[in-house]
Amino acid sequence: MTTRLNHWNAAPKVMQAMLALEKASRSHGLEPSLLELVKTRASQINRCAFCLDMHTREARAAGETEERLYMLAAWDEATCYTPRERAALAWTDALTLLSATGAPDSAHDTVAAEFSPEEQVALTLAIVTINGWNRFAVGFRAEPTRGNG
């Protein structure tokens, strides 16, 4: 794979705006481990190797276990996630696959049962942000720092 463009060098002001979104998504009290599960799950769906490399590493640093990272691809069948995590992952799937899911009421009802209104907005921003990062990394073929041989 060959990197198509270094988006950081090409448009630093745009990337600073993305970093501001990232900072905002982390500033509303959601658990760091939950955010890393969400980012990893969206990156799996979007097939973003760069972000998978980054967020599985950050998830481990936040205390996530190997088992739970391995099971994330089949989270809806796994029993190792809390109801709050399951709600966040369902919302992540619904919004990441928006054109296919239409963000069904069932996913929203589940997230609304586990998250306050402010947390729902913060979680949604985190999902929006990781999907944006995935599009930069996949679109411009950013190479993961690990896994290169």
N, C-alpha and C. Protein backbone atom coordinates (compact mmCIF):
# COMPACT_ATOMS: atom_id res chain seq x y z
N MET A 1 0.84 -1.17 0.00
CA MET A 1 0.00 0.00 0.00
C MET A 1 0.89 1.24 0.00
N THR A 2 0.54 2.19 -0.79
CA THR A 2 1.29 3.43 -0.88
C THR A 2 0.41 4.58 -0.39
N THR A 3 0.97 5.38 0.50
CA THR A 3 0.25 6.55 0.99
C THR A 3 -0.03 7.48 -0.19
N ARG A 4 -1.26 7.93 -0.30
CA ARG A 4 -1.67 8.81 -1.39
C ARG A 4 -1.32 10.27 -1.12
N LEU A 5 -1.45 10.66 0.14
CA LEU A 5 -1.29 12.07 0.49
C LEU A 5 -1.06 12.17 1.98
N ASN A 6 -0.17 13.04 2.40
CA ASN A 6 -0.02 13.33 3.81
C ASN A 6 -0.98 14.47 4.14
N HIS A 7 -2.14 14.10 4.66
CA HIS A 7 -3.19 15.08 4.90
C HIS A 7 -2.80 16.08 6.00
N TRP A 8 -1.93 15.68 6.91
CA TRP A 8 -1.46 16.60 7.95
C TRP A 8 -0.65 17.74 7.34
N ASN A 9 0.22 17.40 6.41
CA ASN A 9 1.03 18.43 5.75
C ASN A 9 0.23 19.24 4.75
N ALA A 10 -0.71 18.61 4.06
CA ALA A 10 -1.48 19.27 3.01
C ALA A 10 -2.44 20.33 3.56
N ALA A 11 -3.02 20.07 4.75
CA ALA A 11 -4.04 20.99 5.27
C ALA A 11 -4.01 21.00 6.81
N PRO A 12 -2.96 21.58 7.38
CA PRO A 12 -2.83 21.55 8.84
C PRO A 12 -4.00 22.21 9.58
N LYS A 13 -4.60 23.25 9.03
CA LYS A 13 -5.73 23.90 9.71
C LYS A 13 -6.94 22.97 9.74
N VAL A 14 -7.15 22.25 8.69
CA VAL A 14 -8.25 21.28 8.66
C VAL A 14 -8.01 20.20 9.70
N MET A 15 -6.79 19.72 9.77
CA MET A 15 -6.48 18.66 10.73
C MET A 15 -6.55 19.16 12.16
N GLN A 16 -6.24 20.44 12.38
CA GLN A 16 -6.41 21.01 13.71
C GLN A 16 -7.89 21.03 14.10
N ALA A 17 -8.76 21.26 13.12
CA ALA A 17 -10.20 21.20 13.39
C ALA A 17 -10.62 19.79 13.78
N MET A 18 -10.05 18.78 13.12
CA MET A 18 -10.34 17.39 13.50
C MET A 18 -9.84 17.11 14.92
N LEU A 19 -8.67 17.62 15.25
CA LEU A 19 -8.16 17.43 16.61
C LEU A 19 -9.06 18.10 17.64
N ALA A 20 -9.66 19.24 17.28
CA ALA A 20 -10.58 19.91 18.20
C ALA A 20 -11.82 19.05 18.43
N LEU A 21 -12.32 18.39 17.37
CA LEU A 21 -13.44 17.46 17.54
C LEU A 21 -13.04 16.31 18.45
N GLU A 22 -11.85 15.79 18.23
CA GLU A 22 -11.35 14.69 19.06
C GLU A 22 -11.29 15.11 20.53
N LYS A 23 -10.75 16.28 20.78
CA LYS A 23 -10.64 16.78 22.15
C LYS A 23 -12.03 16.95 22.76
N ALA A 24 -12.96 17.50 22.02
CA ALA A 24 -14.32 17.69 22.52
C ALA A 24 -14.98 16.35 22.84
N SER A 25 -14.73 15.35 22.01
CA SER A 25 -15.36 14.05 22.24
C SER A 25 -14.82 13.36 23.49
N ARG A 26 -13.63 13.75 23.93
CA ARG A 26 -13.01 13.15 25.11
C ARG A 26 -13.30 13.94 26.39
N SER A 27 -13.92 15.10 26.25
CA SER A 27 -14.00 16.01 27.40
C SER A 27 -15.33 15.95 28.15
N HIS A 28 -16.13 14.95 27.91
CA HIS A 28 -17.45 14.90 28.56
C HIS A 28 -17.63 13.73 29.49
N GLY A 29 -16.54 13.18 30.01
CA GLY A 29 -16.61 12.22 31.08
C GLY A 29 -16.88 10.78 30.68
N LEU A 30 -16.92 10.48 29.41
CA LEU A 30 -17.09 9.07 29.02
C LEU A 30 -15.79 8.32 29.34
N GLU A 31 -15.95 7.08 29.76
CA GLU A 31 -14.82 6.27 30.17
C GLU A 31 -13.83 6.09 29.00
N PRO A 32 -12.54 6.32 29.25
CA PRO A 32 -11.55 6.13 28.18
C PRO A 32 -11.62 4.73 27.57
N SER A 33 -11.81 3.71 28.38
CA SER A 33 -11.87 2.35 27.84
C SER A 33 -13.07 2.18 26.91
N LEU A 34 -14.20 2.77 27.25
CA LEU A 34 -15.39 2.72 26.40
C LEU A 34 -15.13 3.41 25.07
N LEU A 35 -14.52 4.58 25.14
CA LEU A 35 -14.21 5.32 23.91
C LEU A 35 -13.29 4.51 23.00
N GLU A 36 -12.32 3.82 23.58
CA GLU A 36 -11.41 3.01 22.75
C GLU A 36 -12.13 1.82 22.14
N LEU A 37 -13.09 1.22 22.85
CA LEU A 37 -13.89 0.15 22.25
C LEU A 37 -14.68 0.68 21.07
N VAL A 38 -15.29 1.83 21.23
CA VAL A 38 -16.07 2.45 20.16
C VAL A 38 -15.19 2.76 18.96
N LYS A 39 -14.03 3.34 19.21
CA LYS A 39 -13.12 3.69 18.11
C LYS A 39 -12.61 2.44 17.40
N THR A 40 -12.32 1.41 18.16
CA THR A 40 -11.85 0.16 17.55
C THR A 40 -12.96 -0.47 16.73
N ARG A 41 -14.18 -0.49 17.27
CA ARG A 41 -15.30 -1.11 16.55
C ARG A 41 -15.58 -0.37 15.24
N ALA A 42 -15.67 0.94 15.27
CA ALA A 42 -15.91 1.70 14.04
C ALA A 42 -14.78 1.45 13.04
N SER A 43 -13.56 1.39 13.52
CA SER A 43 -12.41 1.15 12.64
C SER A 43 -12.44 -0.25 12.04
N GLN A 44 -12.98 -1.23 12.76
CA GLN A 44 -13.17 -2.56 12.18
C GLN A 44 -14.16 -2.49 11.02
N ILE A 45 -15.29 -1.86 11.27
CA ILE A 45 -16.33 -1.75 10.24
C ILE A 45 -15.79 -1.04 9.01
N ASN A 46 -15.03 0.03 9.23
CA ASN A 46 -14.50 0.84 8.13
C ASN A 46 -13.19 0.30 7.54
N ARG A 47 -12.70 -0.81 8.09
CA ARG A 47 -11.49 -1.45 7.58
C ARG A 47 -10.29 -0.50 7.58
N CYS A 48 -10.12 0.19 8.70
CA CYS A 48 -9.05 1.16 8.81
C CYS A 48 -7.89 0.58 9.63
N ALA A 49 -6.89 0.07 8.95
CA ALA A 49 -5.75 -0.56 9.62
C ALA A 49 -4.99 0.44 10.49
N PHE A 50 -4.82 1.66 10.00
CA PHE A 50 -4.10 2.67 10.76
C PHE A 50 -4.78 2.91 12.11
N CYS A 51 -6.10 3.09 12.09
CA CYS A 51 -6.83 3.37 13.33
C CYS A 51 -6.95 2.13 14.20
N LEU A 52 -7.08 0.94 13.61
CA LEU A 52 -7.10 -0.28 14.41
C LEU A 52 -5.79 -0.44 15.16
N ASP A 53 -4.69 -0.18 14.49
CA ASP A 53 -3.38 -0.25 15.13
C ASP A 53 -3.32 0.71 16.32
N MET A 54 -3.74 1.93 16.10
CA MET A 54 -3.68 2.95 17.13
C MET A 54 -4.62 2.64 18.29
N HIS A 55 -5.86 2.32 18.00
CA HIS A 55 -6.85 2.22 19.06
C HIS A 55 -6.81 0.91 19.82
N THR A 56 -6.32 -0.16 19.21
CA THR A 56 -6.12 -1.37 20.02
C THR A 56 -4.96 -1.15 21.00
N ARG A 57 -3.95 -0.44 20.55
CA ARG A 57 -2.84 -0.11 21.45
C ARG A 57 -3.32 0.78 22.59
N GLU A 58 -4.10 1.81 22.26
CA GLU A 58 -4.61 2.72 23.29
C GLU A 58 -5.61 2.02 24.21
N ALA A 59 -6.38 1.09 23.67
CA ALA A 59 -7.32 0.32 24.51
C ALA A 59 -6.56 -0.51 25.53
N ARG A 60 -5.49 -1.15 25.10
CA ARG A 60 -4.67 -1.92 26.04
C ARG A 60 -4.10 -1.01 27.12
N ALA A 61 -3.63 0.16 26.73
CA ALA A 61 -3.07 1.10 27.70
C ALA A 61 -4.14 1.58 28.69
N ALA A 62 -5.42 1.59 28.26
CA ALA A 62 -6.52 1.99 29.14
C ALA A 62 -7.02 0.82 29.97
N GLY A 63 -6.36 -0.34 29.85
CA GLY A 63 -6.70 -1.49 30.68
C GLY A 63 -7.55 -2.55 29.99
N GLU A 64 -7.77 -2.40 28.71
CA GLU A 64 -8.59 -3.38 27.98
C GLU A 64 -7.84 -4.70 27.84
N THR A 65 -8.57 -5.80 27.88
CA THR A 65 -7.96 -7.12 27.78
C THR A 65 -7.91 -7.59 26.33
N GLU A 66 -7.01 -8.50 26.08
CA GLU A 66 -6.90 -9.10 24.74
C GLU A 66 -8.21 -9.79 24.36
N GLU A 67 -8.79 -10.53 25.30
CA GLU A 67 -10.02 -11.27 25.01
C GLU A 67 -11.11 -10.33 24.50
N ARG A 68 -11.32 -9.22 25.20
CA ARG A 68 -12.37 -8.29 24.82
C ARG A 68 -12.07 -7.61 23.49
N LEU A 69 -10.81 -7.36 23.21
CA LEU A 69 -10.46 -6.80 21.90
C LEU A 69 -10.72 -7.82 20.79
N TYR A 70 -10.39 -9.09 21.02
CA TYR A 70 -10.64 -10.13 20.02
C TYR A 70 -12.13 -10.32 19.78
N MET A 71 -12.92 -10.23 20.84
CA MET A 71 -14.36 -10.47 20.75
C MET A 71 -15.13 -9.30 20.15
N LEU A 72 -14.48 -8.17 20.00
CA LEU A 72 -15.17 -6.96 19.56
C LEU A 72 -15.84 -7.11 18.20
N ALA A 73 -15.24 -7.89 17.32
CA ALA A 73 -15.84 -8.08 15.99
C ALA A 73 -17.19 -8.79 16.07
N ALA A 74 -17.42 -9.51 17.15
CA ALA A 74 -18.69 -10.21 17.37
C ALA A 74 -19.29 -9.80 18.72
N TRP A 75 -19.20 -8.54 19.06
CA TRP A 75 -19.63 -8.04 20.37
C TRP A 75 -21.07 -8.41 20.70
N ASP A 76 -21.93 -8.44 19.69
CA ASP A 76 -23.35 -8.70 19.96
C ASP A 76 -23.61 -10.15 20.36
N GLU A 77 -22.64 -11.02 20.12
CA GLU A 77 -22.76 -12.41 20.54
C GLU A 77 -21.91 -12.72 21.78
N ALA A 78 -21.02 -11.83 22.12
CA ALA A 78 -20.11 -12.04 23.25
C ALA A 78 -20.77 -11.63 24.56
N THR A 79 -20.37 -12.26 25.63
CA THR A 79 -20.95 -11.97 26.95
C THR A 79 -20.01 -11.15 27.84
N CYS A 80 -18.90 -10.71 27.31
CA CYS A 80 -17.89 -10.05 28.14
C CYS A 80 -18.05 -8.53 28.22
N TYR A 81 -19.10 -7.98 27.62
CA TYR A 81 -19.30 -6.53 27.64
C TYR A 81 -20.46 -6.17 28.56
N THR A 82 -20.33 -5.05 29.24
CA THR A 82 -21.39 -4.58 30.14
C THR A 82 -22.57 -4.06 29.31
N PRO A 83 -23.73 -3.92 29.93
CA PRO A 83 -24.87 -3.33 29.20
C PRO A 83 -24.55 -1.94 28.63
N ARG A 84 -23.80 -1.15 29.36
CA ARG A 84 -23.42 0.19 28.87
C ARG A 84 -22.52 0.08 27.64
N GLU A 85 -21.54 -0.81 27.69
CA GLU A 85 -20.66 -1.02 26.53
C GLU A 85 -21.44 -1.55 25.34
N ARG A 86 -22.34 -2.48 25.58
CA ARG A 86 -23.15 -3.05 24.51
C ARG A 86 -24.02 -1.97 23.85
N ALA A 87 -24.56 -1.08 24.66
CA ALA A 87 -25.37 0.02 24.13
C ALA A 87 -24.51 0.93 23.26
N ALA A 88 -23.31 1.25 23.73
CA ALA A 88 -22.40 2.11 22.96
C ALA A 88 -21.98 1.43 21.66
N LEU A 89 -21.73 0.14 21.71
CA LEU A 89 -21.33 -0.58 20.49
C LEU A 89 -22.49 -0.69 19.51
N ALA A 90 -23.70 -0.88 20.01
CA ALA A 90 -24.87 -0.91 19.11
C ALA A 90 -25.06 0.44 18.43
N TRP A 91 -24.88 1.51 19.19
CA TRP A 91 -24.99 2.86 18.63
C TRP A 91 -23.87 3.12 17.62
N THR A 92 -22.68 2.63 17.93
CA THR A 92 -21.54 2.76 17.00
C THR A 92 -21.85 2.05 15.69
N ASP A 93 -22.33 0.82 15.77
CA ASP A 93 -22.68 0.08 14.55
C ASP A 93 -23.77 0.81 13.77
N ALA A 94 -24.80 1.27 14.46
CA ALA A 94 -25.92 1.93 13.80
C ALA A 94 -25.49 3.20 13.08
N LEU A 95 -24.64 4.00 13.72
CA LEU A 95 -24.22 5.26 13.10
C LEU A 95 -23.12 5.07 12.07
N THR A 96 -22.24 4.11 12.29
CA THR A 96 -21.18 3.86 11.32
C THR A 96 -21.75 3.27 10.04
N LEU A 97 -22.77 2.46 10.17
CA LEU A 97 -23.45 1.83 9.02
C LEU A 97 -24.76 2.55 8.73
N LEU A 98 -24.80 3.84 8.88
CA LEU A 98 -26.01 4.64 8.82
C LEU A 98 -26.84 4.40 7.56
N SER A 99 -26.19 4.30 6.41
CA SER A 99 -26.97 4.12 5.18
C SER A 99 -27.70 2.78 5.17
N ALA A 100 -27.19 1.80 5.88
CA ALA A 100 -27.84 0.48 5.94
C ALA A 100 -28.83 0.37 7.10
N THR A 101 -28.55 1.08 8.21
CA THR A 101 -29.37 0.89 9.41
C THR A 101 -30.44 1.97 9.60
N GLY A 102 -30.14 3.19 9.16
CA GLY A 102 -31.05 4.29 9.42
C GLY A 102 -31.14 4.65 10.89
N ALA A 103 -30.18 4.25 11.69
CA ALA A 103 -30.17 4.50 13.14
C ALA A 103 -31.51 4.09 13.75
N PRO A 104 -31.75 2.79 13.87
CA PRO A 104 -33.06 2.30 14.31
C PRO A 104 -33.41 2.70 15.74
N ASP A 105 -34.70 2.77 16.00
CA ASP A 105 -35.17 3.11 17.33
C ASP A 105 -34.61 2.15 18.39
N SER A 106 -34.46 0.89 18.04
CA SER A 106 -33.95 -0.09 19.01
C SER A 106 -32.55 0.29 19.48
N ALA A 107 -31.69 0.75 18.58
CA ALA A 107 -30.34 1.16 18.97
C ALA A 107 -30.40 2.41 19.83
N HIS A 108 -31.25 3.35 19.45
CA HIS A 108 -31.36 4.56 20.27
C HIS A 108 -31.96 4.26 21.63
N ASP A 109 -32.98 3.43 21.68
CA ASP A 109 -33.59 3.08 22.98
C ASP A 109 -32.56 2.45 23.90
N THR A 110 -31.72 1.60 23.35
CA THR A 110 -30.68 0.94 24.15
C THR A 110 -29.67 1.95 24.67
N VAL A 111 -29.23 2.86 23.81
CA VAL A 111 -28.23 3.84 24.26
C VAL A 111 -28.86 4.83 25.24
N ALA A 112 -30.13 5.19 25.03
CA ALA A 112 -30.80 6.13 25.93
C ALA A 112 -31.01 5.53 27.32
N ALA A 113 -31.11 4.21 27.40
CA ALA A 113 -31.28 3.55 28.70
C ALA A 113 -30.00 3.53 29.52
N GLU A 114 -28.86 3.66 28.87
CA GLU A 114 -27.56 3.55 29.54
C GLU A 114 -26.81 4.87 29.66
N PHE A 115 -27.17 5.86 28.86
CA PHE A 115 -26.42 7.11 28.79
C PHE A 115 -27.35 8.29 29.00
N SER A 116 -26.89 9.27 29.74
CA SER A 116 -27.65 10.51 29.91
C SER A 116 -27.74 11.22 28.55
N PRO A 117 -28.65 12.19 28.41
CA PRO A 117 -28.69 12.92 27.14
C PRO A 117 -27.35 13.55 26.76
N GLU A 118 -26.66 14.16 27.73
CA GLU A 118 -25.35 14.76 27.42
C GLU A 118 -24.35 13.68 26.98
N GLU A 119 -24.37 12.53 27.65
CA GLU A 119 -23.47 11.44 27.28
C GLU A 119 -23.81 10.89 25.89
N GLN A 120 -25.09 10.85 25.54
CA GLN A 120 -25.48 10.39 24.21
C GLN A 120 -24.88 11.30 23.13
N VAL A 121 -24.91 12.60 23.39
CA VAL A 121 -24.34 13.55 22.43
C VAL A 121 -22.82 13.38 22.36
N ALA A 122 -22.17 13.23 23.52
CA ALA A 122 -20.72 13.04 23.54
C ALA A 122 -20.33 11.73 22.85
N LEU A 123 -21.08 10.68 23.09
CA LEU A 123 -20.82 9.40 22.43
C LEU A 123 -21.01 9.52 20.92
N THR A 124 -22.06 10.20 20.52
CA THR A 124 -22.31 10.39 19.09
C THR A 124 -21.17 11.19 18.45
N LEU A 125 -20.68 12.21 19.15
CA LEU A 125 -19.55 12.98 18.63
C LEU A 125 -18.31 12.09 18.50
N ALA A 126 -18.09 11.21 19.47
CA ALA A 126 -16.94 10.30 19.38
C ALA A 126 -17.08 9.39 18.17
N ILE A 127 -18.28 8.93 17.89
CA ILE A 127 -18.51 8.06 16.73
C ILE A 127 -18.33 8.84 15.43
N VAL A 128 -18.85 10.06 15.39
CA VAL A 128 -18.66 10.93 14.23
C VAL A 128 -17.17 11.16 13.98
N THR A 129 -16.45 11.44 15.05
CA THR A 129 -15.03 11.77 14.93
C THR A 129 -14.22 10.58 14.44
N ILE A 130 -14.43 9.39 15.01
CA ILE A 130 -13.64 8.24 14.56
C ILE A 130 -13.98 7.90 13.12
N ASN A 131 -15.24 8.05 12.73
CA ASN A 131 -15.57 7.81 11.34
C ASN A 131 -14.87 8.80 10.42
N GLY A 132 -14.73 10.04 10.87
CA GLY A 132 -13.96 11.03 10.10
C GLY A 132 -12.49 10.65 9.99
N TRP A 133 -11.90 10.28 11.13
CA TRP A 133 -10.49 9.84 11.11
C TRP A 133 -10.31 8.65 10.18
N ASN A 134 -11.25 7.69 10.24
CA ASN A 134 -11.16 6.52 9.37
C ASN A 134 -11.16 6.93 7.91
N ARG A 135 -11.95 7.91 7.57
CA ARG A 135 -12.03 8.34 6.17
C ARG A 135 -10.75 9.03 5.70
N PHE A 136 -10.13 9.79 6.58
CA PHE A 136 -8.83 10.36 6.23
C PHE A 136 -7.80 9.25 6.05
N ALA A 137 -7.73 8.33 7.00
CA ALA A 137 -6.70 7.29 6.96
C ALA A 137 -6.90 6.31 5.82
N VAL A 138 -8.13 5.86 5.60
CA VAL A 138 -8.39 4.92 4.51
C VAL A 138 -8.29 5.64 3.16
N GLY A 139 -8.90 6.81 3.07
CA GLY A 139 -8.90 7.54 1.80
C GLY A 139 -7.52 7.91 1.30
N PHE A 140 -6.66 8.31 2.22
CA PHE A 140 -5.31 8.71 1.84
C PHE A 140 -4.27 7.63 2.09
N ARG A 141 -4.75 6.42 2.50
CA ARG A 141 -3.90 5.24 2.68
C ARG A 141 -2.79 5.45 3.71
N ALA A 142 -3.18 5.99 4.86
CA ALA A 142 -2.21 6.14 5.95
C ALA A 142 -1.77 4.74 6.38
N GLU A 143 -0.49 4.58 6.56
CA GLU A 143 0.06 3.28 6.92
C GLU A 143 0.18 3.14 8.43
N PRO A 144 -0.25 2.00 8.97
CA PRO A 144 -0.09 1.78 10.40
C PRO A 144 1.38 1.76 10.78
N THR A 145 1.66 2.17 12.01
CA THR A 145 3.05 2.20 12.45
C THR A 145 3.56 0.81 12.74
N ARG A 146 2.65 -0.11 13.12
CA ARG A 146 3.04 -1.49 13.36
C ARG A 146 2.53 -2.34 12.19
N GLY A 147 2.94 -3.57 12.15
CA GLY A 147 2.42 -4.49 11.15
C GLY A 147 2.99 -4.29 9.76
N ASN A 148 4.13 -3.63 9.67
CA ASN A 148 4.74 -3.39 8.37
C ASN A 148 5.92 -4.33 8.11
N GLY A 149 5.80 -5.53 8.56
CA GLY A 149 6.83 -6.47 8.24
C GLY A 149 7.53 -6.95 9.42
